[in-house]
Amino acid sequence: MRHTEFWARLEAALGTGYYRSWANQHVIGDLGRTATEALDAGIAPQQVWASVWRALELPETLQ
């Protein structure tokens, strides 16, 4: 997964007006940091998405 796909999925899940602020402010438990911090630290977008998916309790279809 590329960063662009990660951001597109997050936008689809949370909405255009909210997804970036959520990614910048919400600390994801299993990452111990925000999604933005995780990506900036070099964690693969696929791994960050899996953590986001679990944190938001998204449906299987969005996994």
PDB file of N, CA and C in Angstrom:
ATOM      1  N   MET A   1       0.843  -1.170   0.000  1.00  0.00           N
ATOM      2  CA  MET A   1       0.000   0.000   0.000  1.00  0.00           C
ATOM      3  C   MET A   1       0.896   1.243   0.000  1.00  0.00           C
ATOM      4  N   ARG A   2       0.542   2.188  -0.811  1.00  0.00           N
ATOM      5  CA  ARG A   2       1.256   3.470  -0.850  1.00  0.00           C
ATOM      6  C   ARG A   2       0.595   4.469   0.100  1.00  0.00           C
ATOM      7  N   HIS A   3       1.324   5.514   0.391  1.00  0.00           N
ATOM      8  CA  HIS A   3       0.791   6.556   1.276  1.00  0.00           C
ATOM      9  C   HIS A   3      -0.499   7.147   0.709  1.00  0.00           C
ATOM     10  N   THR A   4      -0.552   7.341  -0.604  1.00  0.00           N
ATOM     11  CA  THR A   4      -1.756   7.929  -1.200  1.00  0.00           C
ATOM     12  C   THR A   4      -2.975   7.041  -0.980  1.00  0.00           C
ATOM     13  N   GLU A   5      -2.794   5.727  -1.062  1.00  0.00           N
ATOM     14  CA  GLU A   5      -3.913   4.821  -0.815  1.00  0.00           C
ATOM     15  C   GLU A   5      -4.325   4.869   0.657  1.00  0.00           C
ATOM     16  N   PHE A   6      -3.336   4.927   1.545  1.00  0.00           N
ATOM     17  CA  PHE A   6      -3.651   5.043   2.970  1.00  0.00           C
ATOM     18  C   PHE A   6      -4.533   6.260   3.227  1.00  0.00           C
ATOM     19  N   TRP A   7      -4.103   7.425   2.709  1.00  0.00           N
ATOM     20  CA  TRP A   7      -4.857   8.660   2.945  1.00  0.00           C
ATOM     21  C   TRP A   7      -6.237   8.610   2.295  1.00  0.00           C
ATOM     22  N   ALA A   8      -6.346   7.998   1.138  1.00  0.00           N
ATOM     23  CA  ALA A   8      -7.654   7.874   0.480  1.00  0.00           C
ATOM     24  C   ALA A   8      -8.592   7.000   1.301  1.00  0.00           C
ATOM     25  N   ARG A   9      -8.064   5.904   1.851  1.00  0.00           N
ATOM     26  CA  ARG A   9      -8.895   5.025   2.681  1.00  0.00           C
ATOM     27  C   ARG A   9      -9.349   5.733   3.954  1.00  0.00           C
ATOM     28  N   LEU A  10      -8.415   6.461   4.569  1.00  0.00           N
ATOM     29  CA  LEU A  10      -8.770   7.160   5.807  1.00  0.00           C
ATOM     30  C   LEU A  10      -9.810   8.242   5.540  1.00  0.00           C
ATOM     31  N   GLU A  11      -9.659   8.945   4.422  1.00  0.00           N
ATOM     32  CA  GLU A  11     -10.649   9.960   4.059  1.00  0.00           C
ATOM     33  C   GLU A  11     -12.019   9.335   3.815  1.00  0.00           C
ATOM     34  N   ALA A  12     -12.039   8.195   3.151  1.00  0.00           N
ATOM     35  CA  ALA A  12     -13.305   7.513   2.889  1.00  0.00           C
ATOM     36  C   ALA A  12     -13.959   7.044   4.196  1.00  0.00           C
ATOM     37  N   ALA A  13     -13.140   6.635   5.158  1.00  0.00           N
ATOM     38  CA  ALA A  13     -13.667   6.122   6.424  1.00  0.00           C
ATOM     39  C   ALA A  13     -14.162   7.236   7.342  1.00  0.00           C
ATOM     40  N   LEU A  14     -13.465   8.375   7.351  1.00  0.00           N
ATOM     41  CA  LEU A  14     -13.771   9.426   8.327  1.00  0.00           C
ATOM     42  C   LEU A  14     -14.373  10.692   7.740  1.00  0.00           C
ATOM     43  N   GLY A  15     -14.253  10.870   6.447  1.00  0.00           N
ATOM     44  CA  GLY A  15     -14.791  12.066   5.823  1.00  0.00           C
ATOM     45  C   GLY A  15     -13.724  13.116   5.579  1.00  0.00           C
ATOM     46  N   THR A  16     -13.952  13.917   4.563  1.00  0.00           N
ATOM     47  CA  THR A  16     -12.978  14.900   4.106  1.00  0.00           C
ATOM     48  C   THR A  16     -12.621  15.929   5.177  1.00  0.00           C
ATOM     49  N   GLY A  17     -13.572  16.346   5.964  1.00  0.00           N
ATOM     50  CA  GLY A  17     -13.321  17.396   6.935  1.00  0.00           C
ATOM     51  C   GLY A  17     -12.651  16.938   8.223  1.00  0.00           C
ATOM     52  N   TYR A  18     -12.519  15.624   8.425  1.00  0.00           N
ATOM     53  CA  TYR A  18     -12.082  15.131   9.723  1.00  0.00           C
ATOM     54  C   TYR A  18     -10.850  14.234   9.669  1.00  0.00           C
ATOM     55  N   TYR A  19     -10.597  13.580   8.559  1.00  0.00           N
ATOM     56  CA  TYR A  19      -9.587  12.522   8.535  1.00  0.00           C
ATOM     57  C   TYR A  19      -8.184  13.007   8.869  1.00  0.00           C
ATOM     58  N   ARG A  20      -7.784  14.180   8.384  1.00  0.00           N
ATOM     59  CA  ARG A  20      -6.425  14.681   8.653  1.00  0.00           C
ATOM     60  C   ARG A  20      -6.255  15.054  10.126  1.00  0.00           C
ATOM     61  N   SER A  21      -7.253  15.689  10.704  1.00  0.00           N
ATOM     62  CA  SER A  21      -7.115  16.055  12.119  1.00  0.00           C
ATOM     63  C   SER A  21      -7.102  14.805  12.994  1.00  0.00           C
ATOM     64  N   TRP A  22      -7.911  13.806  12.652  1.00  0.00           N
ATOM     65  CA  TRP A  22      -7.890  12.549  13.401  1.00  0.00           C
ATOM     66  C   TRP A  22      -6.507  11.919  13.314  1.00  0.00           C
ATOM     67  N   ALA A  23      -5.940  11.864  12.131  1.00  0.00           N
ATOM     68  CA  ALA A  23      -4.615  11.253  11.933  1.00  0.00           C
ATOM     69  C   ALA A  23      -3.531  11.997  12.691  1.00  0.00           C
ATOM     70  N   ASN A  24      -3.710  13.294  12.888  1.00  0.00           N
ATOM     71  CA  ASN A  24      -2.713  14.105  13.588  1.00  0.00           C
ATOM     72  C   ASN A  24      -2.887  14.112  15.102  1.00  0.00           C
ATOM     73  N   GLN A  25      -4.083  13.756  15.596  1.00  0.00           N
ATOM     74  CA  GLN A  25      -4.369  13.920  17.023  1.00  0.00           C
ATOM     75  C   GLN A  25      -4.635  12.639  17.788  1.00  0.00           C
ATOM     76  N   HIS A  26      -5.160  11.618  17.132  1.00  0.00           N
ATOM     77  CA  HIS A  26      -5.562  10.392  17.834  1.00  0.00           C
ATOM     78  C   HIS A  26      -4.376   9.436  17.958  1.00  0.00           C
ATOM     79  N   VAL A  27      -3.969   9.146  19.194  1.00  0.00           N
ATOM     80  CA  VAL A  27      -2.901   8.176  19.423  1.00  0.00           C
ATOM     81  C   VAL A  27      -3.506   6.782  19.329  1.00  0.00           C
ATOM     82  N   ILE A  28      -2.943   5.984  18.443  1.00  0.00           N
ATOM     83  CA  ILE A  28      -3.423   4.622  18.219  1.00  0.00           C
ATOM     84  C   ILE A  28      -2.668   3.703  19.167  1.00  0.00           C
ATOM     85  N   GLY A  29      -3.418   2.987  19.994  1.00  0.00           N
ATOM     86  CA  GLY A  29      -2.832   2.177  21.059  1.00  0.00           C
ATOM     87  C   GLY A  29      -1.709   1.252  20.638  1.00  0.00           C
ATOM     88  N   ASP A  30      -1.930   0.434  19.626  1.00  0.00           N
ATOM     89  CA  ASP A  30      -0.892  -0.534  19.275  1.00  0.00           C
ATOM     90  C   ASP A  30       0.300   0.097  18.556  1.00  0.00           C
ATOM     91  N   LEU A  31       0.184   1.341  18.125  1.00  0.00           N
ATOM     92  CA  LEU A  31       1.328   2.038  17.531  1.00  0.00           C
ATOM     93  C   LEU A  31       2.029   2.933  18.564  1.00  0.00           C
ATOM     94  N   GLY A  32       1.286   3.355  19.574  1.00  0.00           N
ATOM     95  CA  GLY A  32       1.839   4.246  20.581  1.00  0.00           C
ATOM     96  C   GLY A  32       2.107   5.648  20.064  1.00  0.00           C
ATOM     97  N   ARG A  33       1.460   5.995  18.977  1.00  0.00           N
ATOM     98  CA  ARG A  33       1.617   7.317  18.348  1.00  0.00           C
ATOM     99  C   ARG A  33       0.464   7.538  17.391  1.00  0.00           C
ATOM    100  N   THR A  34       0.397   8.717  16.810  1.00  0.00           N
ATOM    101  CA  THR A  34      -0.654   9.001  15.831  1.00  0.00           C
ATOM    102  C   THR A  34      -0.303   8.336  14.502  1.00  0.00           C
ATOM    103  N   ALA A  35      -1.282   8.266  13.626  1.00  0.00           N
ATOM    104  CA  ALA A  35      -1.040   7.709  12.290  1.00  0.00           C
ATOM    105  C   ALA A  35      -0.010   8.536  11.539  1.00  0.00           C
ATOM    106  N   THR A  36      -0.108   9.844  11.644  1.00  0.00           N
ATOM    107  CA  THR A  36       0.849  10.720  10.972  1.00  0.00           C
ATOM    108  C   THR A  36       2.259  10.506  11.506  1.00  0.00           C
ATOM    109  N   GLU A  37       2.392  10.418  12.808  1.00  0.00           N
ATOM    110  CA  GLU A  37       3.711  10.170  13.404  1.00  0.00           C
ATOM    111  C   GLU A  37       4.270   8.822  12.976  1.00  0.00           C
ATOM    112  N   ALA A  38       3.405   7.812  12.920  1.00  0.00           N
ATOM    113  CA  ALA A  38       3.844   6.480  12.513  1.00  0.00           C
ATOM    114  C   ALA A  38       4.359   6.485  11.072  1.00  0.00           C
ATOM    115  N   LEU A  39       3.613   7.116  10.189  1.00  0.00           N
ATOM    116  CA  LEU A  39       4.049   7.197   8.793  1.00  0.00           C
ATOM    117  C   LEU A  39       5.353   7.985   8.674  1.00  0.00           C
ATOM    118  N   ASP A  40       5.459   9.085   9.409  1.00  0.00           N
ATOM    119  CA  ASP A  40       6.675   9.897   9.378  1.00  0.00           C
ATOM    120  C   ASP A  40       7.877   9.141   9.935  1.00  0.00           C
ATOM    121  N   ALA A  41       7.623   8.197  10.836  1.00  0.00           N
ATOM    122  CA  ALA A  41       8.693   7.400  11.430  1.00  0.00           C
ATOM    123  C   ALA A  41       9.122   6.239  10.530  1.00  0.00           C
ATOM    124  N   GLY A  42       8.426   6.080   9.408  1.00  0.00           N
ATOM    125  CA  GLY A  42       8.801   5.039   8.454  1.00  0.00           C
ATOM    126  C   GLY A  42       8.046   3.731   8.588  1.00  0.00           C
ATOM    127  N   ILE A  43       7.032   3.707   9.439  1.00  0.00           N
ATOM    128  CA  ILE A  43       6.204   2.496   9.534  1.00  0.00           C
ATOM    129  C   ILE A  43       5.396   2.378   8.253  1.00  0.00           C
ATOM    130  N   ALA A  44       5.337   1.183   7.707  1.00  0.00           N
ATOM    131  CA  ALA A  44       4.669   0.947   6.429  1.00  0.00           C
ATOM    132  C   ALA A  44       3.196   1.330   6.491  1.00  0.00           C
ATOM    133  N   PRO A  45       2.703   2.009   5.463  1.00  0.00           N
ATOM    134  CA  PRO A  45       1.286   2.402   5.437  1.00  0.00           C
ATOM    135  C   PRO A  45       0.336   1.226   5.661  1.00  0.00           C
ATOM    136  N   GLN A  46       0.677   0.052   5.163  1.00  0.00           N
ATOM    137  CA  GLN A  46      -0.166  -1.140   5.360  1.00  0.00           C
ATOM    138  C   GLN A  46      -0.301  -1.465   6.848  1.00  0.00           C
ATOM    139  N   GLN A  47       0.789  -1.369   7.579  1.00  0.00           N
ATOM    140  CA  GLN A  47       0.768  -1.640   9.018  1.00  0.00           C
ATOM    141  C   GLN A  47      -0.010  -0.555   9.766  1.00  0.00           C
ATOM    142  N   VAL A  48       0.187   0.687   9.375  1.00  0.00           N
ATOM    143  CA  VAL A  48      -0.542   1.784  10.016  1.00  0.00           C
ATOM    144  C   VAL A  48      -2.032   1.626   9.737  1.00  0.00           C
ATOM    145  N   TRP A  49      -2.380   1.278   8.492  1.00  0.00           N
ATOM    146  CA  TRP A  49      -3.795   1.097   8.162  1.00  0.00           C
ATOM    147  C   TRP A  49      -4.418  -0.023   8.991  1.00  0.00           C
ATOM    148  N   ALA A  50      -3.699  -1.115   9.189  1.00  0.00           N
ATOM    149  CA  ALA A  50      -4.226  -2.223   9.985  1.00  0.00           C
ATOM    150  C   ALA A  50      -4.536  -1.747  11.409  1.00  0.00           C
ATOM    151  N   SER A  51      -3.675  -0.920  11.963  1.00  0.00           N
ATOM    152  CA  SER A  51      -3.911  -0.379  13.305  1.00  0.00           C
ATOM    153  C   SER A  51      -5.085   0.593  13.318  1.00  0.00           C
ATOM    154  N   VAL A  52      -5.180   1.431  12.305  1.00  0.00           N
ATOM    155  CA  VAL A  52      -6.306   2.365  12.180  1.00  0.00           C
ATOM    156  C   VAL A  52      -7.604   1.577  12.053  1.00  0.00           C
ATOM    157  N   TRP A  53      -7.587   0.561  11.223  1.00  0.00           N
ATOM    158  CA  TRP A  53      -8.764  -0.275  10.989  1.00  0.00           C
ATOM    159  C   TRP A  53      -9.276  -0.873  12.306  1.00  0.00           C
ATOM    160  N   ARG A  54      -8.349  -1.387  13.100  1.00  0.00           N
ATOM    161  CA  ARG A  54      -8.733  -1.960  14.401  1.00  0.00           C
ATOM    162  C   ARG A  54      -9.232  -0.868  15.355  1.00  0.00           C
ATOM    163  N   ALA A  55      -8.524   0.254  15.401  1.00  0.00           N
ATOM    164  CA  ALA A  55      -8.892   1.335  16.329  1.00  0.00           C
ATOM    165  C   ALA A  55     -10.277   1.893  16.028  1.00  0.00           C
ATOM    166  N   LEU A  56     -10.600   1.996  14.763  1.00  0.00           N
ATOM    167  CA  LEU A  56     -11.905   2.549  14.366  1.00  0.00           C
ATOM    168  C   LEU A  56     -12.995   1.492  14.274  1.00  0.00           C
ATOM    169  N   GLU A  57     -12.601   0.225  14.462  1.00  0.00           N
ATOM    170  CA  GLU A  57     -13.550  -0.890  14.359  1.00  0.00           C
ATOM    171  C   GLU A  57     -14.313  -0.838  13.042  1.00  0.00           C
ATOM    172  N   LEU A  58     -13.554  -0.695  11.973  1.00  0.00           N
ATOM    173  CA  LEU A  58     -14.147  -0.619  10.641  1.00  0.00           C
ATOM    174  C   LEU A  58     -14.581  -1.991  10.159  1.00  0.00           C
ATOM    175  N   PRO A  59     -15.513  -2.062   9.223  1.00  0.00           N
ATOM    176  CA  PRO A  59     -15.980  -3.362   8.730  1.00  0.00           C
ATOM    177  C   PRO A  59     -14.889  -4.086   7.948  1.00  0.00           C
ATOM    178  N   GLU A  60     -15.036  -5.391   7.886  1.00  0.00           N
ATOM    179  CA  GLU A  60     -14.086  -6.242   7.158  1.00  0.00           C
ATOM    180  C   GLU A  60     -13.852  -5.779   5.733  1.00  0.00           C
ATOM    181  N   THR A  61     -14.876  -5.237   5.111  1.00  0.00           N
ATOM    182  CA  THR A  61     -14.757  -4.813   3.710  1.00  0.00           C
ATOM    183  C   THR A  61     -13.748  -3.694   3.512  1.00  0.00           C
ATOM    184  N   LEU A  62     -13.387  -2.997   4.591  1.00  0.00           N
ATOM    185  CA  LEU A  62     -12.431  -1.899   4.485  1.00  0.00           C
ATOM    186  C   LEU A  62     -11.024  -2.295   4.925  1.00  0.00           C
ATOM    187  N   GLN A  63     -10.836  -3.559   5.231  1.00  0.00           N
ATOM    188  CA  GLN A  63      -9.542  -4.020   5.709  1.00  0.00           C
ATOM    189  C   GLN A  63      -8.521  -4.007   4.652  1.00  0.00           C
TER     190      GLN A  63
END
